[in-house]
Amino acid sequence: MHTQSIPVTKVIVRLAKGEETFVAVSNDSGSAGYDWRVEPGSPITVTREVYTPVPVKDHASLLPSVLHVFTLRLEQELTGEWIERIELISPALGETIRVIEAHIGAVHYG
């Protein structure tokens, strides 16, 4: 499952304890220091954070040249609940955050 490339700060997810998701956001502004808010409230850990270039020939020209990719893991079992929303909070007030892709489920590194 993944989102379309649209301006958005909230990503709907369904995670169980130990599952990971990755969220890729545009990094045109070069901002750092993003925080994450989870609803319902539960500890979530950023297990990996990377910047990756986007090959121009493979993507539409409207996409950013660099993606800021976060891998997130749910650390605590929720009693019969799922995380329903992960919200990316920008350190810069008024900054538009563009979620490029949100992948739900296990993340495997090759």
C-alpha atoms as a PDB file:
ATOM      1  CA  MET A   1       0.000   0.000   0.000  1.00  0.00           C
ATOM      2  CA  HIS A   2       1.327   3.462  -0.753  1.00  0.00           C
ATOM      3  CA  THR A   3       0.124   7.002  -0.981  1.00  0.00           C
ATOM      4  CA  GLN A   4       0.130   9.126  -4.093  1.00  0.00           C
ATOM      5  CA  SER A   5       2.603  11.988  -4.270  1.00  0.00           C
ATOM      6  CA  ILE A   6       0.477  14.753  -2.787  1.00  0.00           C
ATOM      7  CA  PRO A   7       0.999  17.516  -0.229  1.00  0.00           C
ATOM      8  CA  VAL A   8      -0.003  15.871   3.049  1.00  0.00           C
ATOM      9  CA  THR A   9       1.305  15.554   6.583  1.00  0.00           C
ATOM     10  CA  LYS A  10      -0.830  12.669   7.823  1.00  0.00           C
ATOM     11  CA  VAL A  11      -0.368   9.071   6.746  1.00  0.00           C
ATOM     12  CA  ILE A  12      -2.978   6.425   7.567  1.00  0.00           C
ATOM     13  CA  VAL A  13      -1.323   3.174   8.616  1.00  0.00           C
ATOM     14  CA  ARG A  14      -2.156  -0.098  10.321  1.00  0.00           C
ATOM     15  CA  LEU A  15       0.809  -1.449  12.255  1.00  0.00           C
ATOM     16  CA  ALA A  16       1.209  -4.183  14.849  1.00  0.00           C
ATOM     17  CA  LYS A  17       4.010  -4.293  17.433  1.00  0.00           C
ATOM     18  CA  GLY A  18       7.392  -4.768  15.765  1.00  0.00           C
ATOM     19  CA  GLU A  19       6.124  -3.957  12.276  1.00  0.00           C
ATOM     20  CA  GLU A  20       7.874  -1.261  10.296  1.00  0.00           C
ATOM     21  CA  THR A  21       6.763   1.234   7.720  1.00  0.00           C
ATOM     22  CA  PHE A  22       8.734   3.680   5.656  1.00  0.00           C
ATOM     23  CA  VAL A  23       7.699   7.174   4.717  1.00  0.00           C
ATOM     24  CA  ALA A  24       9.507   9.148   2.028  1.00  0.00           C
ATOM     25  CA  VAL A  25       9.114  12.911   1.979  1.00  0.00           C
ATOM     26  CA  SER A  26      10.481  15.560  -0.326  1.00  0.00           C
ATOM     27  CA  ASN A  27      13.558  17.306   0.953  1.00  0.00           C
ATOM     28  CA  ASP A  28      13.536  20.367  -1.288  1.00  0.00           C
ATOM     29  CA  SER A  29      13.815  22.693   1.687  1.00  0.00           C
ATOM     30  CA  GLY A  30      16.699  20.772   3.239  1.00  0.00           C
ATOM     31  CA  SER A  31      14.967  20.753   6.613  1.00  0.00           C
ATOM     32  CA  ALA A  32      16.004  18.334   9.311  1.00  0.00           C
ATOM     33  CA  GLY A  33      14.753  17.473  12.768  1.00  0.00           C
ATOM     34  CA  TYR A  34      11.321  16.135  11.908  1.00  0.00           C
ATOM     35  CA  ASP A  35       9.233  14.694  14.728  1.00  0.00           C
ATOM     36  CA  TRP A  36       6.483  12.101  14.549  1.00  0.00           C
ATOM     37  CA  ARG A  37       3.111  12.067  16.272  1.00  0.00           C
ATOM     38  CA  VAL A  38       1.182   8.819  16.464  1.00  0.00           C
ATOM     39  CA  GLU A  39      -2.539   8.334  17.108  1.00  0.00           C
ATOM     40  CA  PRO A  40      -3.569   6.561  19.215  1.00  0.00           C
ATOM     41  CA  GLY A  41      -0.490   7.502  21.259  1.00  0.00           C
ATOM     42  CA  SER A  42       2.227   4.859  21.297  1.00  0.00           C
ATOM     43  CA  PRO A  43       6.034   4.824  21.197  1.00  0.00           C
ATOM     44  CA  ILE A  44       7.414   4.732  17.683  1.00  0.00           C
ATOM     45  CA  THR A  45      11.088   4.607  16.806  1.00  0.00           C
ATOM     46  CA  VAL A  46      12.873   5.913  13.749  1.00  0.00           C
ATOM     47  CA  THR A  47      15.078   2.901  12.976  1.00  0.00           C
ATOM     48  CA  ARG A  48      16.648   4.319   9.845  1.00  0.00           C
ATOM     49  CA  GLU A  49      16.821   7.712   8.184  1.00  0.00           C
ATOM     50  CA  VAL A  50      18.431   8.266   4.795  1.00  0.00           C
ATOM     51  CA  TYR A  51      18.541  10.737   1.955  1.00  0.00           C
ATOM     52  CA  THR A  52      18.283   9.223  -1.487  1.00  0.00           C
ATOM     53  CA  PRO A  53      18.527  10.850  -4.922  1.00  0.00           C
ATOM     54  CA  VAL A  54      15.682  10.438  -7.379  1.00  0.00           C
ATOM     55  CA  PRO A  55      16.839   9.461 -10.886  1.00  0.00           C
ATOM     56  CA  VAL A  56      15.380  12.109 -13.197  1.00  0.00           C
ATOM     57  CA  LYS A  57      14.862   9.714 -16.113  1.00  0.00           C
ATOM     58  CA  ASP A  58      12.650   7.420 -14.013  1.00  0.00           C
ATOM     59  CA  HIS A  59      10.392  10.044 -12.469  1.00  0.00           C
ATOM     60  CA  ALA A  60       8.206  12.934 -13.474  1.00  0.00           C
ATOM     61  CA  SER A  61       9.933  16.297 -13.482  1.00  0.00           C
ATOM     62  CA  LEU A  62       7.630  17.524 -10.705  1.00  0.00           C
ATOM     63  CA  LEU A  63       9.188  15.180  -8.157  1.00  0.00           C
ATOM     64  CA  PRO A  64      11.945  16.477  -5.886  1.00  0.00           C
ATOM     65  CA  SER A  65      15.562  15.579  -6.592  1.00  0.00           C
ATOM     66  CA  VAL A  66      16.150  14.184  -3.093  1.00  0.00           C
ATOM     67  CA  LEU A  67      13.884  12.143  -0.826  1.00  0.00           C
ATOM     68  CA  HIS A  68      14.152  12.039   2.951  1.00  0.00           C
ATOM     69  CA  VAL A  69      13.191   8.472   3.873  1.00  0.00           C
ATOM     70  CA  PHE A  70      12.274   7.427   7.413  1.00  0.00           C
ATOM     71  CA  THR A  71      11.824   3.827   8.552  1.00  0.00           C
ATOM     72  CA  LEU A  72       9.521   3.706  11.582  1.00  0.00           C
ATOM     73  CA  ARG A  73       8.804   0.826  13.975  1.00  0.00           C
ATOM     74  CA  LEU A  74       5.993   0.457  16.501  1.00  0.00           C
ATOM     75  CA  GLU A  75       7.553  -0.446  19.862  1.00  0.00           C
ATOM     76  CA  GLN A  76       4.575  -1.200  22.074  1.00  0.00           C
ATOM     77  CA  GLU A  77       1.611  -3.525  21.716  1.00  0.00           C
ATOM     78  CA  LEU A  78      -1.670  -1.686  21.493  1.00  0.00           C
ATOM     79  CA  THR A  79      -4.590  -3.362  23.210  1.00  0.00           C
ATOM     80  CA  GLY A  80      -6.794  -4.355  20.311  1.00  0.00           C
ATOM     81  CA  GLU A  81      -5.855  -1.132  18.553  1.00  0.00           C
ATOM     82  CA  TRP A  82      -3.944  -0.189  15.470  1.00  0.00           C
ATOM     83  CA  ILE A  83      -2.045   2.979  14.879  1.00  0.00           C
ATOM     84  CA  GLU A  84      -4.392   4.944  12.680  1.00  0.00           C
ATOM     85  CA  ARG A  85      -2.263   7.920  11.822  1.00  0.00           C
ATOM     86  CA  ILE A  86       1.367   8.953  11.788  1.00  0.00           C
ATOM     87  CA  GLU A  87       1.825  12.686  11.486  1.00  0.00           C
ATOM     88  CA  LEU A  88       5.044  14.232  10.279  1.00  0.00           C
ATOM     89  CA  ILE A  89       5.735  17.490  12.097  1.00  0.00           C
ATOM     90  CA  SER A  90       8.019  19.944  10.384  1.00  0.00           C
ATOM     91  CA  PRO A  91      10.498  22.026  12.404  1.00  0.00           C
ATOM     92  CA  ALA A  92       9.668  25.035  10.217  1.00  0.00           C
ATOM     93  CA  LEU A  93       6.256  26.574  10.779  1.00  0.00           C
ATOM     94  CA  GLY A  94       4.180  26.716   7.646  1.00  0.00           C
ATOM     95  CA  GLU A  95       6.455  24.422   5.664  1.00  0.00           C
ATOM     96  CA  THR A  96       4.606  22.189   3.217  1.00  0.00           C
ATOM     97  CA  ILE A  97       5.652  18.579   3.639  1.00  0.00           C
ATOM     98  CA  ARG A  98       5.039  16.395   0.625  1.00  0.00           C
ATOM     99  CA  VAL A  99       4.707  12.705   1.385  1.00  0.00           C
ATOM    100  CA  ILE A 100       5.995  10.841  -1.670  1.00  0.00           C
ATOM    101  CA  GLU A 101       5.358   7.299  -0.514  1.00  0.00           C
ATOM    102  CA  ALA A 102       4.247   5.472   2.602  1.00  0.00           C
ATOM    103  CA  HIS A 103       4.789   1.718   2.575  1.00  0.00           C
ATOM    104  CA  ILE A 104       2.889  -0.290   5.165  1.00  0.00           C
ATOM    105  CA  GLY A 105       4.237  -3.552   6.555  1.00  0.00           C
ATOM    106  CA  ALA A 106       7.608  -5.198   6.954  1.00  0.00           C
ATOM    107  CA  VAL A 107      10.619  -3.409   5.552  1.00  0.00           C
ATOM    108  CA  HIS A 108      13.405  -5.542   4.099  1.00  0.00           C
ATOM    109  CA  TYR A 109      16.848  -4.247   3.270  1.00  0.00           C
ATOM    110  CA  GLY A 110      18.660  -5.754   0.294  1.00  0.00           C
END
